[in-house]
Amino acid sequence: MNRYLLILWGSVYSSDAGGKRTARLSPEQIQENTKHWNAWMEGLGKQGVLDGGEPLGADARVIKGSRKIVTDGPYTEAKEAISGYVILKADSIEKATEISKGCPHLEVDGTVEVRPIQAM
């Protein structure tokens, strides 16, 4: 069985010019989406296809080049930020893609990118 990384693009939060995060969904909408997440992840676990996954925090550091320059970031709009990941086990990228269509992240206009994890 192959492993696939679902990269979750977009967030239920947005940031103003000063970097302050505010919810773009109501507390009720966030709570409802969280219920869908819990049910979806539980279902993936019962199917035996879940191999991990977590939301990501807003704080980040970027290290660049051979000089290893460290900066705060990434500075992107919330809709372009990676907000989390899920690792699935599936027989093919087509199967992983089909499973991904049930991801609750899509309900809040997020984007799910499906990438194969290559064995080392």
N, C-alpha and C. Protein backbone atom coordinates (compact mmCIF):
# COMPACT_ATOMS: atom_id res chain seq x y z
N MET A 1 0.85 -1.17 0.00
CA MET A 1 0.00 0.00 0.00
C MET A 1 0.91 1.24 0.00
N ASN A 2 0.58 2.22 -0.82
CA ASN A 2 1.35 3.45 -0.93
C ASN A 2 0.84 4.48 0.07
N ARG A 3 1.67 5.48 0.33
CA ARG A 3 1.30 6.57 1.24
C ARG A 3 1.18 7.86 0.43
N TYR A 4 0.20 8.68 0.83
CA TYR A 4 -0.07 9.94 0.14
C TYR A 4 -0.22 11.05 1.17
N LEU A 5 0.36 12.20 0.85
CA LEU A 5 0.26 13.38 1.69
C LEU A 5 -0.82 14.28 1.13
N LEU A 6 -1.82 14.59 1.95
CA LEU A 6 -2.82 15.58 1.57
C LEU A 6 -2.38 16.89 2.19
N ILE A 7 -2.06 17.85 1.36
CA ILE A 7 -1.64 19.17 1.83
C ILE A 7 -2.87 20.06 1.80
N LEU A 8 -3.20 20.62 2.96
CA LEU A 8 -4.43 21.40 3.10
C LEU A 8 -4.09 22.88 2.96
N TRP A 9 -4.53 23.47 1.86
CA TRP A 9 -4.29 24.88 1.56
C TRP A 9 -5.50 25.70 1.96
N GLY A 10 -5.26 26.82 2.60
CA GLY A 10 -6.35 27.70 3.01
C GLY A 10 -6.65 27.51 4.48
N SER A 11 -7.40 28.42 5.04
CA SER A 11 -7.64 28.41 6.46
C SER A 11 -9.01 29.01 6.77
N VAL A 12 -9.54 28.67 7.92
CA VAL A 12 -10.78 29.31 8.38
C VAL A 12 -10.46 30.66 9.01
N TYR A 13 -9.18 31.03 9.02
CA TYR A 13 -8.74 32.31 9.56
C TYR A 13 -8.19 33.18 8.45
N SER A 14 -8.22 34.48 8.65
CA SER A 14 -7.56 35.40 7.75
C SER A 14 -6.68 36.32 8.60
N SER A 15 -5.72 36.94 7.98
CA SER A 15 -4.80 37.82 8.69
C SER A 15 -4.89 39.22 8.11
N ASP A 16 -4.83 40.23 9.01
CA ASP A 16 -4.79 41.60 8.51
C ASP A 16 -3.35 41.99 8.23
N ALA A 17 -3.13 43.22 7.83
CA ALA A 17 -1.79 43.68 7.44
C ALA A 17 -0.79 43.56 8.59
N GLY A 18 -1.28 43.63 9.81
CA GLY A 18 -0.40 43.50 10.98
C GLY A 18 -0.16 42.06 11.41
N GLY A 19 -0.74 41.12 10.70
CA GLY A 19 -0.56 39.71 11.02
C GLY A 19 -1.53 39.17 12.03
N LYS A 20 -2.50 40.00 12.48
CA LYS A 20 -3.48 39.53 13.45
C LYS A 20 -4.46 38.58 12.77
N ARG A 21 -4.66 37.41 13.38
CA ARG A 21 -5.56 36.39 12.81
C ARG A 21 -6.96 36.58 13.35
N THR A 22 -7.91 36.55 12.45
CA THR A 22 -9.32 36.59 12.83
C THR A 22 -10.05 35.49 12.07
N ALA A 23 -11.08 34.97 12.70
CA ALA A 23 -11.86 33.90 12.07
C ALA A 23 -12.69 34.50 10.94
N ARG A 24 -12.71 33.83 9.78
CA ARG A 24 -13.56 34.28 8.68
C ARG A 24 -14.87 33.49 8.66
N LEU A 25 -14.99 32.54 9.59
CA LEU A 25 -16.23 31.81 9.78
C LEU A 25 -16.75 32.10 11.18
N SER A 26 -18.03 31.96 11.37
CA SER A 26 -18.61 32.17 12.71
C SER A 26 -18.15 31.03 13.63
N PRO A 27 -18.21 31.25 14.94
CA PRO A 27 -17.87 30.16 15.86
C PRO A 27 -18.72 28.90 15.62
N GLU A 28 -19.98 29.10 15.25
CA GLU A 28 -20.85 27.97 14.99
C GLU A 28 -20.40 27.20 13.75
N GLN A 29 -19.99 27.93 12.72
CA GLN A 29 -19.51 27.28 11.50
C GLN A 29 -18.21 26.52 11.76
N ILE A 30 -17.33 27.10 12.55
CA ILE A 30 -16.07 26.43 12.89
C ILE A 30 -16.38 25.17 13.69
N GLN A 31 -17.29 25.26 14.64
CA GLN A 31 -17.66 24.10 15.46
C GLN A 31 -18.27 22.99 14.59
N GLU A 32 -19.12 23.36 13.65
CA GLU A 32 -19.73 22.37 12.76
C GLU A 32 -18.68 21.70 11.88
N ASN A 33 -17.75 22.50 11.35
CA ASN A 33 -16.67 21.95 10.52
C ASN A 33 -15.79 21.03 11.34
N THR A 34 -15.55 21.38 12.60
CA THR A 34 -14.73 20.53 13.48
C THR A 34 -15.41 19.18 13.70
N LYS A 35 -16.73 19.18 13.84
CA LYS A 35 -17.47 17.91 13.96
C LYS A 35 -17.27 17.05 12.72
N HIS A 36 -17.32 17.69 11.56
CA HIS A 36 -17.13 16.95 10.30
C HIS A 36 -15.71 16.38 10.24
N TRP A 37 -14.73 17.17 10.69
CA TRP A 37 -13.34 16.70 10.72
C TRP A 37 -13.21 15.47 11.61
N ASN A 38 -13.76 15.56 12.82
CA ASN A 38 -13.67 14.44 13.75
C ASN A 38 -14.28 13.18 13.16
N ALA A 39 -15.46 13.30 12.55
CA ALA A 39 -16.14 12.15 11.95
C ALA A 39 -15.33 11.60 10.77
N TRP A 40 -14.79 12.49 9.92
CA TRP A 40 -14.04 12.05 8.75
C TRP A 40 -12.77 11.32 9.16
N MET A 41 -12.03 11.90 10.11
CA MET A 41 -10.79 11.27 10.56
C MET A 41 -11.08 9.92 11.24
N GLU A 42 -12.13 9.87 12.04
CA GLU A 42 -12.51 8.61 12.68
C GLU A 42 -12.85 7.56 11.63
N GLY A 43 -13.58 7.97 10.60
CA GLY A 43 -13.94 7.05 9.52
C GLY A 43 -12.71 6.54 8.78
N LEU A 44 -11.75 7.44 8.51
CA LEU A 44 -10.50 7.01 7.84
C LEU A 44 -9.76 6.00 8.71
N GLY A 45 -9.75 6.24 10.02
CA GLY A 45 -9.09 5.31 10.94
C GLY A 45 -9.75 3.94 10.91
N LYS A 46 -11.07 3.92 10.91
CA LYS A 46 -11.79 2.64 10.87
C LYS A 46 -11.56 1.89 9.56
N GLN A 47 -11.36 2.64 8.47
CA GLN A 47 -11.09 2.02 7.17
C GLN A 47 -9.64 1.54 7.06
N GLY A 48 -8.80 1.98 7.99
CA GLY A 48 -7.39 1.58 7.96
C GLY A 48 -6.56 2.35 6.96
N VAL A 49 -7.04 3.52 6.51
CA VAL A 49 -6.29 4.28 5.52
C VAL A 49 -5.61 5.52 6.11
N LEU A 50 -5.91 5.85 7.36
CA LEU A 50 -5.31 7.02 8.00
C LEU A 50 -3.93 6.66 8.54
N ASP A 51 -2.93 7.46 8.20
CA ASP A 51 -1.57 7.22 8.68
C ASP A 51 -1.01 8.46 9.38
N GLY A 52 -1.87 9.40 9.76
CA GLY A 52 -1.44 10.59 10.49
C GLY A 52 -2.06 11.84 9.93
N GLY A 53 -1.87 12.93 10.64
CA GLY A 53 -2.36 14.22 10.18
C GLY A 53 -2.60 15.15 11.35
N GLU A 54 -2.36 16.42 11.12
CA GLU A 54 -2.52 17.43 12.15
C GLU A 54 -2.76 18.79 11.51
N PRO A 55 -3.44 19.69 12.22
CA PRO A 55 -3.46 21.08 11.76
C PRO A 55 -2.09 21.70 12.06
N LEU A 56 -1.76 22.75 11.35
CA LEU A 56 -0.50 23.45 11.57
C LEU A 56 -0.77 24.80 12.21
N GLY A 57 0.14 25.22 13.09
CA GLY A 57 0.04 26.53 13.72
C GLY A 57 0.40 27.64 12.75
N ALA A 58 0.09 28.87 13.13
CA ALA A 58 0.33 30.03 12.25
C ALA A 58 1.79 30.48 12.29
N ASP A 59 2.48 30.25 13.39
CA ASP A 59 3.88 30.66 13.50
C ASP A 59 4.76 29.79 12.63
N ALA A 60 5.75 30.38 12.01
CA ALA A 60 6.65 29.60 11.16
C ALA A 60 7.99 30.30 11.04
N ARG A 61 8.99 29.56 10.68
CA ARG A 61 10.31 30.09 10.33
C ARG A 61 10.70 29.47 9.00
N VAL A 62 11.36 30.26 8.18
CA VAL A 62 11.82 29.81 6.87
C VAL A 62 13.34 29.88 6.87
N ILE A 63 14.00 28.80 6.49
CA ILE A 63 15.46 28.74 6.42
C ILE A 63 15.82 28.62 4.95
N LYS A 64 16.68 29.53 4.47
CA LYS A 64 16.99 29.56 3.03
C LYS A 64 18.47 29.43 2.78
N GLY A 65 18.77 28.66 1.76
CA GLY A 65 20.09 28.61 1.16
C GLY A 65 21.21 28.09 2.02
N SER A 66 22.40 28.06 1.41
CA SER A 66 23.58 27.52 2.08
C SER A 66 24.01 28.37 3.27
N ARG A 67 23.60 29.63 3.30
CA ARG A 67 23.93 30.50 4.43
C ARG A 67 22.95 30.31 5.58
N LYS A 68 21.91 29.54 5.33
CA LYS A 68 20.90 29.18 6.34
C LYS A 68 20.29 30.41 7.00
N ILE A 69 19.87 31.36 6.18
CA ILE A 69 19.22 32.58 6.66
C ILE A 69 17.83 32.22 7.18
N VAL A 70 17.53 32.61 8.41
CA VAL A 70 16.25 32.32 9.04
C VAL A 70 15.41 33.59 9.06
N THR A 71 14.19 33.47 8.57
CA THR A 71 13.24 34.58 8.62
C THR A 71 11.91 34.09 9.18
N ASP A 72 11.13 35.02 9.69
CA ASP A 72 9.76 34.69 10.06
C ASP A 72 8.97 34.47 8.78
N GLY A 73 7.92 33.75 8.87
CA GLY A 73 7.10 33.56 7.68
C GLY A 73 6.42 32.22 7.74
N PRO A 74 5.86 31.73 6.70
CA PRO A 74 5.79 32.37 5.39
C PRO A 74 4.76 33.48 5.40
N TYR A 75 5.01 34.53 4.64
CA TYR A 75 4.06 35.63 4.54
C TYR A 75 3.21 35.42 3.30
N THR A 76 2.09 34.79 3.50
CA THR A 76 1.15 34.54 2.42
C THR A 76 -0.23 34.87 2.94
N GLU A 77 -1.16 35.05 2.05
CA GLU A 77 -2.54 35.24 2.47
C GLU A 77 -3.04 33.92 3.04
N ALA A 78 -3.97 34.00 3.98
CA ALA A 78 -4.48 32.79 4.63
C ALA A 78 -4.99 31.77 3.62
N LYS A 79 -5.60 32.25 2.52
CA LYS A 79 -6.12 31.31 1.53
C LYS A 79 -5.01 30.58 0.79
N GLU A 80 -3.77 31.09 0.87
CA GLU A 80 -2.64 30.47 0.20
C GLU A 80 -1.73 29.71 1.16
N ALA A 81 -2.03 29.77 2.45
CA ALA A 81 -1.18 29.13 3.46
C ALA A 81 -1.53 27.66 3.61
N ILE A 82 -0.53 26.87 3.97
CA ILE A 82 -0.78 25.47 4.30
C ILE A 82 -1.25 25.43 5.75
N SER A 83 -2.43 24.89 5.97
CA SER A 83 -3.01 24.90 7.31
C SER A 83 -2.96 23.54 7.99
N GLY A 84 -2.59 22.50 7.27
CA GLY A 84 -2.50 21.18 7.88
C GLY A 84 -2.17 20.12 6.85
N TYR A 85 -2.15 18.90 7.34
CA TYR A 85 -1.85 17.77 6.44
C TYR A 85 -2.51 16.51 6.97
N VAL A 86 -2.71 15.58 6.07
CA VAL A 86 -3.21 14.24 6.40
C VAL A 86 -2.38 13.26 5.58
N ILE A 87 -2.01 12.14 6.18
CA ILE A 87 -1.31 11.10 5.45
C ILE A 87 -2.25 9.90 5.32
N LEU A 88 -2.46 9.49 4.08
CA LEU A 88 -3.33 8.35 3.78
C LEU A 88 -2.53 7.19 3.24
N LYS A 89 -3.08 6.00 3.41
CA LYS A 89 -2.58 4.81 2.75
C LYS A 89 -3.61 4.42 1.70
N ALA A 90 -3.16 4.23 0.47
CA ALA A 90 -4.07 3.86 -0.62
C ALA A 90 -3.29 3.11 -1.68
N ASP A 91 -4.01 2.37 -2.50
CA ASP A 91 -3.38 1.59 -3.57
C ASP A 91 -2.89 2.44 -4.73
N SER A 92 -3.52 3.61 -4.93
CA SER A 92 -3.15 4.45 -6.07
C SER A 92 -3.46 5.91 -5.76
N ILE A 93 -2.88 6.80 -6.56
CA ILE A 93 -3.18 8.22 -6.38
C ILE A 93 -4.65 8.50 -6.70
N GLU A 94 -5.21 7.73 -7.61
CA GLU A 94 -6.63 7.90 -7.93
C GLU A 94 -7.50 7.56 -6.72
N LYS A 95 -7.15 6.49 -6.02
CA LYS A 95 -7.91 6.12 -4.81
C LYS A 95 -7.73 7.16 -3.71
N ALA A 96 -6.50 7.64 -3.53
CA ALA A 96 -6.24 8.68 -2.53
C ALA A 96 -7.02 9.95 -2.87
N THR A 97 -7.08 10.28 -4.16
CA THR A 97 -7.83 11.46 -4.60
C THR A 97 -9.31 11.29 -4.31
N GLU A 98 -9.83 10.11 -4.57
CA GLU A 98 -11.25 9.85 -4.32
C GLU A 98 -11.56 9.99 -2.81
N ILE A 99 -10.70 9.43 -1.97
CA ILE A 99 -10.87 9.55 -0.52
C ILE A 99 -10.82 11.02 -0.12
N SER A 100 -9.94 11.79 -0.74
CA SER A 100 -9.74 13.19 -0.40
C SER A 100 -10.95 14.06 -0.69
N LYS A 101 -11.79 13.62 -1.62
CA LYS A 101 -12.99 14.40 -1.95
C LYS A 101 -13.94 14.53 -0.76
N GLY A 102 -13.80 13.67 0.24
CA GLY A 102 -14.62 13.76 1.44
C GLY A 102 -14.04 14.65 2.52
N CYS A 103 -12.90 15.27 2.26
CA CYS A 103 -12.21 16.07 3.27
C CYS A 103 -13.04 17.31 3.65
N PRO A 104 -13.30 17.51 4.95
CA PRO A 104 -14.08 18.66 5.40
C PRO A 104 -13.43 20.01 5.09
N HIS A 105 -12.15 20.00 4.78
CA HIS A 105 -11.47 21.25 4.42
C HIS A 105 -12.09 21.86 3.16
N LEU A 106 -12.62 21.02 2.29
CA LEU A 106 -13.26 21.50 1.07
C LEU A 106 -14.56 22.23 1.36
N GLU A 107 -15.21 21.91 2.48
CA GLU A 107 -16.47 22.56 2.86
C GLU A 107 -16.29 24.03 3.18
N VAL A 108 -15.07 24.44 3.52
CA VAL A 108 -14.80 25.84 3.88
C VAL A 108 -13.94 26.49 2.79
N ASP A 109 -14.12 26.01 1.56
CA ASP A 109 -13.43 26.54 0.38
C ASP A 109 -11.92 26.37 0.44
N GLY A 110 -11.46 25.37 1.17
CA GLY A 110 -10.04 25.05 1.17
C GLY A 110 -9.69 24.23 -0.07
N THR A 111 -8.41 24.01 -0.23
CA THR A 111 -7.89 23.21 -1.34
C THR A 111 -7.12 22.04 -0.76
N VAL A 112 -7.26 20.87 -1.35
CA VAL A 112 -6.53 19.68 -0.92
C VAL A 112 -5.64 19.23 -2.07
N GLU A 113 -4.35 19.20 -1.81
CA GLU A 113 -3.38 18.73 -2.80
C GLU A 113 -2.96 17.32 -2.40
N VAL A 114 -3.03 16.38 -3.33
CA VAL A 114 -2.68 14.98 -3.07
C VAL A 114 -1.33 14.69 -3.71
N ARG A 115 -0.36 14.27 -2.88
CA ARG A 115 0.99 13.99 -3.38
C ARG A 115 1.46 12.62 -2.89
N PRO A 116 2.06 11.83 -3.75
CA PRO A 116 2.60 10.55 -3.28
C PRO A 116 3.82 10.79 -2.41
N ILE A 117 3.97 9.98 -1.38
CA ILE A 117 5.18 10.01 -0.55
C ILE A 117 6.08 8.90 -1.08
N GLN A 118 7.24 9.28 -1.53
CA GLN A 118 8.15 8.29 -2.11
C GLN A 118 8.97 7.62 -1.02
N ALA A 119 9.14 6.33 -1.14
CA ALA A 119 9.96 5.57 -0.18
C ALA A 119 11.42 5.94 -0.38
N MET A 120 12.14 6.01 0.71
CA MET A 120 13.57 6.33 0.65
C MET A 120 14.37 5.05 0.56
